[in-house]
Amino acid sequence: MALSADTVITIKPTSGIASFALSELWSYREVVFFLAWRTIKVKYK
């Protein structure tokens, strides 16, 4: 897909609590767990 020089693409974030996707958070639960664990480990070391 070729875009011309005059093409403008606007990306807007969704707003509100409905935009918070629990399914997306659940799919990345291991990453969230390890980031939280790292923060706790460093804070109380």
Protein backbone atom coordinates (compact mmCIF):
# COMPACT_ATOMS: atom_id res chain seq x y z
CA MET A 1 0.00 0.00 0.00
CA ALA A 2 1.67 3.19 -1.15
CA LEU A 3 0.75 6.44 0.57
CA SER A 4 1.01 9.75 -1.20
CA ALA A 5 2.75 12.76 0.36
CA ASP A 6 -0.64 14.37 1.06
CA THR A 7 -1.96 11.44 3.09
CA VAL A 8 -2.43 12.15 6.80
CA ILE A 9 -3.03 9.32 9.23
CA THR A 10 -4.41 10.25 12.65
CA ILE A 11 -4.17 7.77 15.51
CA LYS A 12 -6.35 8.54 18.51
CA PRO A 13 -6.30 6.62 21.80
CA THR A 14 -9.48 5.15 23.14
CA SER A 15 -10.77 6.65 26.34
CA GLY A 16 -12.67 5.38 29.33
CA ILE A 17 -12.63 2.19 31.32
CA ALA A 18 -14.00 0.20 28.38
CA SER A 19 -10.70 0.63 26.57
CA PHE A 20 -8.90 -1.34 29.29
CA ALA A 21 -8.80 -4.82 27.81
CA LEU A 22 -8.58 -7.47 30.51
CA SER A 23 -8.10 -10.15 27.89
CA GLU A 24 -4.99 -8.37 26.65
CA LEU A 25 -3.65 -8.05 30.20
CA TRP A 26 -4.37 -11.74 30.78
CA SER A 27 -2.43 -12.72 27.67
CA TYR A 28 0.61 -10.82 28.98
CA ARG A 29 0.20 -11.93 32.60
CA GLU A 30 3.67 -13.49 32.77
CA VAL A 31 5.31 -10.23 31.71
CA VAL A 32 3.26 -8.27 34.25
CA PHE A 33 4.17 -10.78 36.96
CA PHE A 34 7.91 -10.61 36.25
CA LEU A 35 7.92 -6.81 36.11
CA ALA A 36 6.09 -6.62 39.43
CA TRP A 37 8.39 -9.24 40.96
CA ARG A 38 11.47 -7.35 39.78
CA THR A 39 10.17 -4.10 41.28
CA ILE A 40 9.44 -5.71 44.64
CA LYS A 41 12.78 -7.53 44.69
CA VAL A 42 14.78 -4.36 43.97
CA LYS A 43 12.80 -2.25 46.42
CA TYR A 44 13.29 -4.55 49.39
CA LYS A 45 16.81 -5.79 48.65
